[in-house]
Every structure is written in structure tokens, then in C-alpha cells.
Amino acid sequence: MSTSPIRLGVVGLGRAFSLMLPTFLQDRRIRLVAACDPREEARAQFAGDFEAPVYECFEDLVKDASPEAIYIASPHQLHAEHTRIAAQHGKHVLVEKPMALSLEECDQMIKACATADVHMIVGHCHSFDSPYLEAERIIRSGEFGQARMILAVNYTDFLYRPRRPDELVTESGGGVIFSQAAHQFDIVRLLAGSKASSVRAAVGAWDSTRPADGAYASLLWFENGAFASLNYSGYAHFDSDAWSGDIDEFGETKAESEYGAARRRLHELASPAAEAALKNARTYGGASYSDTSQRGPRRMHEHFGSVIVTCEGADLLPAPDGVWIYDNQRRSVRQLPTPAVPRVEVIDELDLAIRHGRPPTHNGRWGKATLEICLALIRSSSEQREVTLRHQ
């Protein structure tokens, strides 16, 4: 059993990579050894930062013998192709959510990884976050009985952050469902501890300048009798981080001046091309890129809006500092220690799979089940009916 760091190659040095970079740098179980990106400036920064080879073509990256695993952080519509190619070259896969854009693509990815006998983990998703994992442990212990009802609510400025044109087209994986509902449904599935059975939803898209879906409301049922209500808005008005003590999604304190900043920034841009250029400038290798990897430990855990689990004997509230418990007698908190490494839970699962042979929780079948719900959300809204789930 090897104890050496996992040699990780990266395809896609964009926003997702920037958010995972502090984890890769601070966790000694990971070593970044190669990367691929179409942007010359991103490749140049990676080569300088890590003294490692960089490639413009993905096939050249997977032919490199250095990486034993590939972190796939390319645009959503490329996840399936990149996973299949990586598996064919014997590389384990850590693929960003959503796993793919169709169930057929998911099946192809699962088959490719099984044929090559490599592991696939779908993440980062917020169901990796420690407050949700701790809530799951409490529920599984039976201390407060079975989870019966779950409420998940998140209001953000997601739709008004700088985007490429394809990120504002739902069919290309843009909008809030593929990028944000995947987080919420992952969390709720983990906490319910049961296969989802059906979903009824309504999807909103009411800003013609940002044409992708921007909001949804849904009711999800589970085979064990539990049900969940999930609501999300990315229209940049109310910010539900206010319900978490103004601790943002990444465990940092949110400044009052950030309110409305995304909309104000967009109003200053003259065209979609200018918006895409701003996004490139702010991401890894760009002229305005801000390196956050050297910050000290975050004082709080990551989270994804407000989630309340109603069990038979208590309500559980996973929060940035731990899990708050409202039982028959009192309110208490199961405090969690300050995270020394952000998103360390992703590396825990990756390391257990690759170095210790433990099947991951967030495997291909898990990712496919979450995608099925996302697709059913769109279908339910379009057809105005409840949709039965068949791939959970």
C-alpha cells in the first residue's frame, strides 16, 4: 500500500480549479504534476508555479506517464469525453459536477472506468462538507430517529457572475440547475439516506439578458417515506448567507459592500465578449487573478445555503460551525473544529479509493443519480407534472 502523494494532472485551469487549488497545495496527499488548458497564460502560470509540464491538447496530457489521476475541471459539456479518454489511459478520475449532461454520457463514463479498473469520484460537491457529513452521522446513529422532512434554501448572485456565452445556455450546462441544483440534491440525498423516487418542480428564467434558468422550486420524495423541499434563486437580490451569520459558501465572512456587487460589475461591461474577457482575467493565470491559496485556515466550514432536517425527535441544522440540534428539551450544537485544509473531505475520499481500495461514496452511479434528478427537474417544469426517477 503506497503512502506517496497522489500524482494529479488537471484539465481545465478555470474557476473550479482555482477553488480547489488551496486544497491541492495544502494537502500533502496530493502533488500536481501536469495540466492542460487552451489558455496560454494559464499554462504559463501552472508551469511556473509547479515546474511541471503543460499541454494545450488533452490527449497529450493523458499520454504523460506522470499523472496517475486526472482532475477534470473542463466545461460541463466536455466531462464525458475527458473521463472516457482518461480511463482509456489508465488514469483515475476526479470529475467536477455535474458529472455529465445526459444519462447516456454517465453510462459511458461508468463503463469506461469499470473496463479500465480505475476509480471515478464526482466532486467537489457540497455534500462533501463536514457539517453535512456530521449531520448524516447523527441521523444514521438513530439518536433522533429517522429523517422525515428536509428543507434546503439558497439565494445567491450566481447568474450575474462573469460568464462565457455558453454558460448562459441551459442546454450547454449553463444556468443554476446543472451547476447549483447538483449541490442541493447531493446534500439532500445524503441526508435522506434513501433512494429518491420522484420529483415535482417549477423552473424560472425571467431575465432575457441572462437567458439560462435562474431559479427553481422542487419537491423530492424518497423510498423511505421522507420528502424534501428545495428552492434556489441565482438572481442576486436576497442573499441567504444572512441566515448563516454572513458566512459565505466558502466559510469566509462576507462584507456588507459585497451586496449587489455582481450586478454592478456587469453593468460596467459593454458586451458578452467583455464579460468573457473579465472572467478569463480573474481566473488562474489571468491578469487580475487573486491567489487565495496562501490564506490561513478558514474560521468556518463551507456550506450551501440553509438546510434543516426534521427527524422524528429533533430538527438538525448543519451550519458553518457545526450541527445545531433542536430536540424535545433544548438547543445544542455539535461543534466542528476549524478546517485546517479547505475541502479536505474530497481528498479523504480520493485517497481512500486510490491508496486504500475503498469504494468511494461519490462514485459514477452517485453522480448519475444526481444528474437524473437535475434533468427530471427541467422535464417536470416543462411538462407540469411529477416525474418518476428510475436510475437512483
Protein backbone atom coordinates (compact mmCIF):
# COMPACT_ATOMS: atom_id res chain seq x y z
CA MET A 1 0.00 0.00 0.00
CA SER A 2 1.60 3.24 -1.20
CA THR A 3 1.80 6.26 1.09
CA SER A 4 3.24 8.56 -1.56
CA PRO A 5 1.23 11.61 -2.71
CA ILE A 6 -1.33 11.08 -5.45
CA ARG A 7 0.18 12.42 -8.66
CA LEU A 8 -2.60 14.57 -10.08
CA GLY A 9 -2.95 16.03 -13.56
CA VAL A 10 -5.50 18.76 -14.27
CA VAL A 11 -7.60 19.53 -17.32
CA GLY A 12 -9.22 22.95 -17.07
CA LEU A 13 -7.43 25.69 -15.12
CA GLY A 14 -10.55 27.81 -14.66
CA ARG A 15 -12.83 28.74 -11.79
CA ALA A 16 -13.29 25.21 -10.43
CA PHE A 17 -9.52 24.63 -10.37
CA SER A 18 -8.97 27.99 -8.66
CA LEU A 19 -11.36 26.95 -5.89
CA MET A 20 -9.70 23.56 -5.42
CA LEU A 21 -6.13 24.88 -5.65
CA PRO A 22 -5.79 25.74 -1.92
CA THR A 23 -6.77 22.14 -1.14
CA PHE A 24 -4.25 20.68 -3.57
CA LEU A 25 -1.48 22.89 -2.23
CA GLN A 26 -2.15 22.34 1.47
CA ASP A 27 -2.91 18.60 1.49
CA ARG A 28 0.31 16.58 1.44
CA ARG A 29 -1.50 13.62 -0.10
CA ILE A 30 -1.67 15.48 -3.43
CA ARG A 31 1.07 16.54 -5.86
CA LEU A 32 0.19 18.47 -9.00
CA VAL A 33 2.33 17.07 -11.82
CA ALA A 34 0.83 18.25 -15.15
CA ALA A 35 -2.00 20.33 -16.62
CA CYS A 36 -3.93 21.08 -19.78
CA ASP A 37 -5.79 24.26 -20.74
CA PRO A 38 -6.44 26.12 -24.00
CA ARG A 39 -5.32 29.43 -22.44
CA GLU A 40 -1.62 30.12 -22.88
CA GLU A 41 -1.49 32.38 -19.82
CA ALA A 42 -2.94 29.66 -17.57
CA ARG A 43 -0.46 27.10 -18.87
CA ALA A 44 2.41 29.50 -18.30
CA GLN A 45 1.40 30.16 -14.69
CA PHE A 46 0.98 26.45 -13.92
CA ALA A 47 4.38 25.63 -15.46
CA GLY A 48 5.96 28.38 -13.36
CA ASP A 49 4.13 27.54 -10.15
CA PHE A 50 4.74 23.79 -10.23
CA GLU A 51 7.71 23.29 -12.58
CA ALA A 52 5.54 20.74 -14.36
CA PRO A 53 4.67 20.04 -18.00
CA VAL A 54 1.63 21.74 -19.53
CA TYR A 55 -0.35 20.86 -22.63
CA GLU A 56 -2.82 22.50 -24.96
CA CYS A 57 -4.21 19.13 -26.08
CA PHE A 58 -5.88 16.78 -23.57
CA GLU A 59 -4.65 13.65 -25.38
CA ASP A 60 -1.08 14.80 -24.72
CA LEU A 61 -1.82 15.18 -21.01
CA VAL A 62 -3.18 11.65 -20.60
CA LYS A 63 -0.24 10.20 -22.55
CA ASP A 64 2.09 11.71 -19.95
CA ALA A 65 3.09 8.94 -17.53
CA SER A 66 3.42 11.33 -14.58
CA PRO A 67 -0.27 11.67 -13.53
CA GLU A 68 -1.95 8.63 -12.03
CA ALA A 69 -5.24 10.55 -11.68
CA ILE A 70 -6.84 13.39 -13.62
CA TYR A 71 -8.89 16.20 -12.11
CA ILE A 72 -11.45 17.05 -14.80
CA ALA A 73 -12.44 20.70 -14.37
CA SER A 74 -13.17 21.43 -18.02
CA PRO A 75 -16.55 22.86 -19.17
CA HIS A 76 -19.54 20.64 -18.33
CA GLN A 77 -20.07 19.50 -21.91
CA LEU A 78 -16.54 18.01 -22.04
CA HIS A 79 -16.69 15.94 -18.83
CA ALA A 80 -17.85 12.74 -20.52
CA GLU A 81 -15.27 12.81 -23.30
CA HIS A 82 -12.40 13.69 -20.97
CA THR A 83 -13.39 10.97 -18.48
CA ARG A 84 -13.54 8.29 -21.18
CA ILE A 85 -10.14 9.28 -22.57
CA ALA A 86 -8.54 9.44 -19.12
CA ALA A 87 -9.87 5.99 -18.21
CA GLN A 88 -8.65 4.52 -21.50
CA HIS A 89 -5.16 5.65 -20.48
CA GLY A 90 -5.46 4.02 -17.05
CA LYS A 91 -5.96 7.23 -15.07
CA HIS A 92 -8.26 7.52 -12.05
CA VAL A 93 -10.75 10.37 -12.38
CA LEU A 94 -11.92 13.18 -10.11
CA VAL A 95 -14.58 14.91 -12.22
CA GLU A 96 -16.34 18.15 -11.31
CA LYS A 97 -20.11 18.23 -11.03
CA PRO A 98 -22.28 17.87 -12.94
CA MET A 99 -20.86 14.51 -13.93
CA ALA A 100 -22.20 14.97 -17.48
CA LEU A 101 -25.17 16.45 -19.33
CA SER A 102 -27.02 13.22 -20.17
CA LEU A 103 -27.62 9.83 -18.57
CA GLU A 104 -26.18 8.14 -21.66
CA GLU A 105 -22.92 10.01 -21.14
CA CYS A 106 -22.91 8.92 -17.48
CA ASP A 107 -23.28 5.29 -18.54
CA GLN A 108 -20.37 5.64 -20.96
CA MET A 109 -18.19 7.16 -18.23
CA ILE A 110 -19.09 4.45 -15.72
CA LYS A 111 -18.39 1.71 -18.27
CA ALA A 112 -15.07 3.24 -19.31
CA CYS A 113 -13.82 3.45 -15.72
CA ALA A 114 -15.05 -0.07 -14.89
CA THR A 115 -13.38 -1.51 -18.00
CA ALA A 116 -10.10 0.20 -17.13
CA ASP A 117 -10.44 -0.72 -13.43
CA VAL A 118 -9.95 2.88 -12.30
CA HIS A 119 -11.87 4.86 -9.72
CA MET A 120 -14.15 7.78 -10.56
CA ILE A 121 -15.20 10.34 -7.95
CA VAL A 122 -17.65 13.14 -8.72
CA GLY A 123 -16.76 16.32 -6.87
CA HIS A 124 -16.32 18.80 -5.44
CA CYS A 125 -19.98 18.87 -4.41
CA HIS A 126 -21.09 20.43 -1.16
CA SER A 127 -22.26 17.04 0.11
CA PHE A 128 -18.56 16.57 0.95
CA ASP A 129 -18.75 19.43 3.50
CA SER A 130 -18.15 18.37 7.10
CA PRO A 131 -21.38 19.87 8.56
CA TYR A 132 -23.47 17.69 6.22
CA LEU A 133 -21.30 14.63 6.87
CA GLU A 134 -21.69 15.17 10.63
CA ALA A 135 -25.46 15.58 10.25
CA GLU A 136 -25.53 12.33 8.27
CA ARG A 137 -23.65 10.54 11.07
CA ILE A 138 -26.15 11.81 13.63
CA ILE A 139 -29.08 10.65 11.51
CA ARG A 140 -27.55 7.22 10.87
CA SER A 141 -26.91 6.75 14.59
CA GLY A 142 -30.67 6.75 15.17
CA GLU A 143 -30.25 9.13 18.11
CA PHE A 144 -33.18 11.26 16.96
CA GLY A 145 -34.99 8.78 14.76
CA GLN A 146 -35.39 8.74 11.02
CA ALA A 147 -35.14 11.82 8.81
CA ARG A 148 -38.68 12.65 7.71
CA MET A 149 -38.56 16.07 6.03
CA ILE A 150 -35.75 18.25 4.65
CA LEU A 151 -35.80 21.93 3.71
CA ALA A 152 -32.99 23.33 1.53
CA VAL A 153 -32.95 27.01 0.50
CA ASN A 154 -30.24 29.06 -1.17
CA TYR A 155 -30.37 32.58 -2.67
CA THR A 156 -27.19 33.83 -4.41
CA ASP A 157 -25.86 36.05 -7.21
CA PHE A 158 -24.85 33.02 -9.30
CA LEU A 159 -26.44 34.13 -12.58
CA TYR A 160 -24.70 37.53 -12.52
CA ARG A 161 -21.14 36.39 -12.03
CA PRO A 162 -18.95 36.78 -15.15
CA ARG A 163 -19.84 34.06 -17.67
CA ARG A 164 -18.84 32.76 -21.06
CA PRO A 165 -21.79 32.83 -23.53
CA ASP A 166 -22.27 29.03 -23.31
CA GLU A 167 -22.67 29.30 -19.53
CA LEU A 168 -25.91 31.18 -20.13
CA VAL A 169 -27.42 28.39 -22.23
CA THR A 170 -29.15 25.64 -20.23
CA GLU A 171 -28.66 23.02 -22.96
CA SER A 172 -24.89 23.56 -22.75
CA GLY A 173 -24.93 23.01 -19.00
CA GLY A 174 -25.35 26.68 -18.12
CA GLY A 175 -27.70 28.17 -15.55
CA VAL A 176 -28.40 27.14 -11.99
CA ILE A 177 -29.73 23.60 -12.42
CA PHE A 178 -26.62 21.79 -13.66
CA SER A 179 -24.21 23.89 -11.58
CA GLN A 180 -26.19 24.55 -8.40
CA ALA A 181 -29.05 22.07 -8.11
CA ALA A 182 -26.40 19.34 -8.30
CA HIS A 183 -25.09 20.61 -4.93
CA GLN A 184 -28.50 20.79 -3.28
CA PHE A 185 -29.74 17.40 -4.47
CA ASP A 186 -26.43 15.78 -3.49
CA ILE A 187 -26.78 17.14 0.05
CA VAL A 188 -30.42 16.15 0.44
CA ARG A 189 -29.85 12.64 -0.96
CA LEU A 190 -27.00 12.13 1.53
CA LEU A 191 -29.13 13.23 4.48
CA ALA A 192 -32.29 11.34 3.49
CA GLY A 193 -30.32 8.10 3.31
CA SER A 194 -32.69 6.61 0.76
CA LYS A 195 -33.19 6.41 -2.98
CA ALA A 196 -35.21 9.28 -4.43
CA SER A 197 -38.42 8.14 -6.09
CA SER A 198 -39.98 11.17 -7.82
CA VAL A 199 -39.78 14.95 -8.22
CA ARG A 200 -42.16 17.79 -9.00
CA ALA A 201 -40.65 21.14 -9.90
CA ALA A 202 -41.02 24.59 -11.41
CA VAL A 203 -38.10 26.36 -13.08
CA GLY A 204 -37.81 30.13 -13.53
CA ALA A 205 -35.98 32.08 -16.24
CA TRP A 206 -37.14 35.69 -16.22
CA ASP A 207 -34.16 37.85 -17.23
CA SER A 208 -33.78 37.95 -21.02
CA THR A 209 -30.23 39.26 -20.70
CA ARG A 210 -29.29 36.09 -18.74
CA PRO A 211 -31.41 33.53 -20.61
CA ALA A 212 -30.43 30.34 -18.76
CA ASP A 213 -32.60 29.02 -15.94
CA GLY A 214 -32.09 31.18 -12.87
CA ALA A 215 -34.33 29.70 -10.17
CA TYR A 216 -36.31 26.61 -9.23
CA ALA A 217 -38.61 25.20 -6.59
CA SER A 218 -38.99 21.45 -6.19
CA LEU A 219 -40.44 18.71 -4.02
CA LEU A 220 -38.49 15.44 -3.90
CA TRP A 221 -39.83 12.16 -2.50
CA PHE A 222 -37.78 9.21 -1.19
CA GLU A 223 -38.47 5.47 -0.99
CA ASN A 224 -38.25 5.50 2.83
CA GLY A 225 -41.14 7.98 3.05
CA ALA A 226 -39.03 11.10 3.59
CA PHE A 227 -39.56 14.15 1.41
CA ALA A 228 -37.63 17.34 0.72
CA SER A 229 -38.38 20.85 -0.45
CA LEU A 230 -35.56 22.50 -2.38
CA ASN A 231 -35.52 26.12 -3.54
CA TYR A 232 -32.79 28.12 -5.26
CA SER A 233 -32.53 31.59 -6.77
CA GLY A 234 -29.46 32.95 -8.52
CA TYR A 235 -30.97 36.36 -9.31
CA ALA A 236 -28.75 38.38 -6.96
CA HIS A 237 -31.31 40.02 -4.71
CA PHE A 238 -31.76 38.45 -1.24
CA ASP A 239 -28.61 36.66 -0.08
CA SER A 240 -29.38 33.66 2.13
CA ASP A 241 -25.88 33.77 3.65
CA ALA A 242 -27.54 36.27 6.01
CA TRP A 243 -29.14 33.22 7.65
CA SER A 244 -25.66 31.77 8.26
CA GLY A 245 -24.25 34.78 10.08
CA ASP A 246 -22.96 36.30 6.80
CA ILE A 247 -20.56 33.38 6.39
CA ASP A 248 -20.29 32.74 2.68
CA GLU A 249 -20.28 29.47 0.75
CA PHE A 250 -16.53 29.10 1.29
CA GLY A 251 -16.51 29.65 5.05
CA GLU A 252 -15.35 33.28 4.90
CA THR A 253 -17.01 36.35 6.42
CA LYS A 254 -18.98 38.29 3.80
CA ALA A 255 -18.60 42.08 3.73
CA GLU A 256 -21.67 44.31 3.54
CA SER A 257 -20.15 46.01 0.47
CA GLU A 258 -20.49 42.77 -1.50
CA TYR A 259 -24.26 43.19 -1.72
CA GLY A 260 -25.17 43.92 -5.36
CA ALA A 261 -21.54 43.81 -6.50
CA ALA A 262 -22.16 41.21 -9.20
CA ARG A 263 -24.91 43.25 -10.89
CA ARG A 264 -22.91 46.48 -10.64
CA ARG A 265 -19.90 44.84 -12.26
CA LEU A 266 -21.97 43.55 -15.18
CA HIS A 267 -23.45 47.00 -15.83
CA GLU A 268 -19.94 48.29 -16.47
CA LEU A 269 -19.30 45.76 -19.28
CA ALA A 270 -20.03 46.67 -22.88
CA SER A 271 -20.58 43.22 -24.41
CA PRO A 272 -20.63 39.44 -23.85
CA ALA A 273 -17.06 39.39 -25.16
CA ALA A 274 -16.04 41.85 -22.47
CA GLU A 275 -17.76 39.68 -19.86
CA ALA A 276 -15.93 36.56 -21.02
CA ALA A 277 -12.66 38.50 -21.01
CA LEU A 278 -13.31 39.62 -17.43
CA LYS A 279 -13.89 36.02 -16.38
CA ASN A 280 -10.63 34.93 -18.02
CA ALA A 281 -8.76 37.81 -16.42
CA ARG A 282 -9.96 36.84 -12.94
CA THR A 283 -9.24 33.12 -13.18
CA TYR A 284 -5.96 31.25 -12.82
CA GLY A 285 -3.23 32.80 -14.96
CA GLY A 286 -5.30 35.89 -15.77
CA ALA A 287 -4.13 39.46 -15.34
CA SER A 288 -6.49 40.03 -12.38
CA TYR A 289 -6.14 36.59 -10.79
CA SER A 290 -6.01 36.76 -6.99
CA ASP A 291 -4.14 33.88 -5.36
CA THR A 292 -6.03 32.84 -2.21
CA SER A 293 -4.10 29.61 -1.70
CA GLN A 294 -1.79 31.01 0.97
CA ARG A 295 -4.51 32.18 3.33
CA GLY A 296 -4.55 30.69 6.80
CA PRO A 297 -7.16 28.21 7.99
CA ARG A 298 -10.73 29.26 7.31
CA ARG A 299 -12.56 30.01 10.50
CA MET A 300 -15.72 28.27 9.32
CA HIS A 301 -16.76 25.35 7.14
CA GLU A 302 -18.13 25.60 3.63
CA HIS A 303 -21.89 25.33 3.23
CA PHE A 304 -24.62 25.65 0.60
CA GLY A 305 -27.39 27.84 1.91
CA SER A 306 -29.74 26.75 4.69
CA VAL A 307 -30.63 23.09 5.25
CA ILE A 308 -32.93 21.84 8.01
CA VAL A 309 -33.52 18.12 8.59
CA THR A 310 -36.65 17.23 10.54
CA CYS A 311 -36.11 13.91 12.29
CA GLU A 312 -38.65 12.15 14.48
CA GLY A 313 -37.08 13.53 17.67
CA ALA A 314 -35.29 16.71 16.63
CA ASP A 315 -34.55 19.24 13.91
CA LEU A 316 -30.93 19.32 12.71
CA LEU A 317 -29.36 22.44 11.22
CA PRO A 318 -25.95 21.90 9.56
CA ALA A 319 -24.17 25.25 9.82
CA PRO A 320 -20.69 26.71 9.16
CA ASP A 321 -19.61 25.98 12.76
CA GLY A 322 -21.17 22.54 13.24
CA VAL A 323 -24.60 20.93 13.54
CA TRP A 324 -27.24 22.65 15.64
CA ILE A 325 -29.72 20.28 17.27
CA TYR A 326 -33.21 21.32 18.35
CA ASP A 327 -34.60 18.38 20.32
CA ASN A 328 -37.55 17.98 22.70
CA GLN A 329 -35.74 19.62 25.63
CA ARG A 330 -33.10 22.06 24.43
CA ARG A 331 -30.99 23.58 21.67
CA SER A 332 -27.36 22.46 21.42
CA VAL A 333 -24.54 22.36 18.90
CA ARG A 334 -22.13 19.61 17.87
CA GLN A 335 -19.18 21.89 17.24
CA LEU A 336 -16.74 21.06 14.45
CA PRO A 337 -13.06 22.06 14.61
CA THR A 338 -11.86 24.81 12.31
CA PRO A 339 -10.91 23.26 8.95
CA ALA A 340 -7.12 23.27 8.58
CA VAL A 341 -7.36 22.42 4.88
CA PRO A 342 -10.39 23.52 2.81
CA ARG A 343 -12.32 20.72 1.09
CA VAL A 344 -10.08 18.10 2.71
CA GLU A 345 -13.05 15.70 2.58
CA VAL A 346 -12.63 15.40 -1.21
CA ILE A 347 -9.03 14.29 -0.78
CA ASP A 348 -10.07 11.90 2.01
CA GLU A 349 -12.35 10.08 -0.42
CA LEU A 350 -9.85 10.22 -3.29
CA ASP A 351 -7.03 8.88 -1.11
CA LEU A 352 -9.14 6.09 0.39
CA ALA A 353 -10.11 4.96 -3.10
CA ILE A 354 -6.73 5.15 -4.84
CA ARG A 355 -4.38 4.31 -1.98
CA HIS A 356 -6.59 2.00 0.12
CA GLY A 357 -9.03 0.48 -2.37
CA ARG A 358 -12.16 1.68 -0.59
CA PRO A 359 -15.07 2.26 -2.99
CA PRO A 360 -15.98 5.97 -2.95
CA THR A 361 -19.40 7.27 -1.93
CA HIS A 362 -19.47 9.88 -4.70
CA ASN A 363 -18.85 7.39 -7.50
CA GLY A 364 -20.25 7.34 -11.02
CA ARG A 365 -23.59 5.86 -10.00
CA TRP A 366 -23.97 8.54 -7.34
CA GLY A 367 -23.22 11.27 -9.88
CA LYS A 368 -25.63 9.76 -12.40
CA ALA A 369 -28.43 9.67 -9.82
CA THR A 370 -27.93 13.36 -9.05
CA LEU A 371 -27.91 14.23 -12.75
CA GLU A 372 -31.13 12.26 -13.27
CA ILE A 373 -32.85 14.49 -10.71
CA CYS A 374 -31.49 17.64 -12.38
CA LEU A 375 -32.82 16.50 -15.75
CA ALA A 376 -36.13 15.49 -14.17
CA LEU A 377 -36.37 18.98 -12.66
CA ILE A 378 -36.32 20.51 -16.15
CA ARG A 379 -38.74 17.92 -17.51
CA SER A 380 -41.16 18.29 -14.61
CA SER A 381 -41.31 22.04 -15.07
CA SER A 382 -41.73 21.78 -18.83
CA GLU A 383 -44.46 19.11 -18.68
CA GLN A 384 -46.04 20.44 -15.46
CA ARG A 385 -46.19 17.06 -13.79
CA GLU A 386 -44.44 14.79 -11.30
CA VAL A 387 -41.59 12.75 -12.83
CA THR A 388 -40.71 9.25 -11.62
CA LEU A 389 -36.99 8.56 -11.09
CA ARG A 390 -35.60 5.26 -12.40
CA HIS A 391 -31.81 5.47 -12.02
CA GLN A 392 -31.27 6.01 -8.30
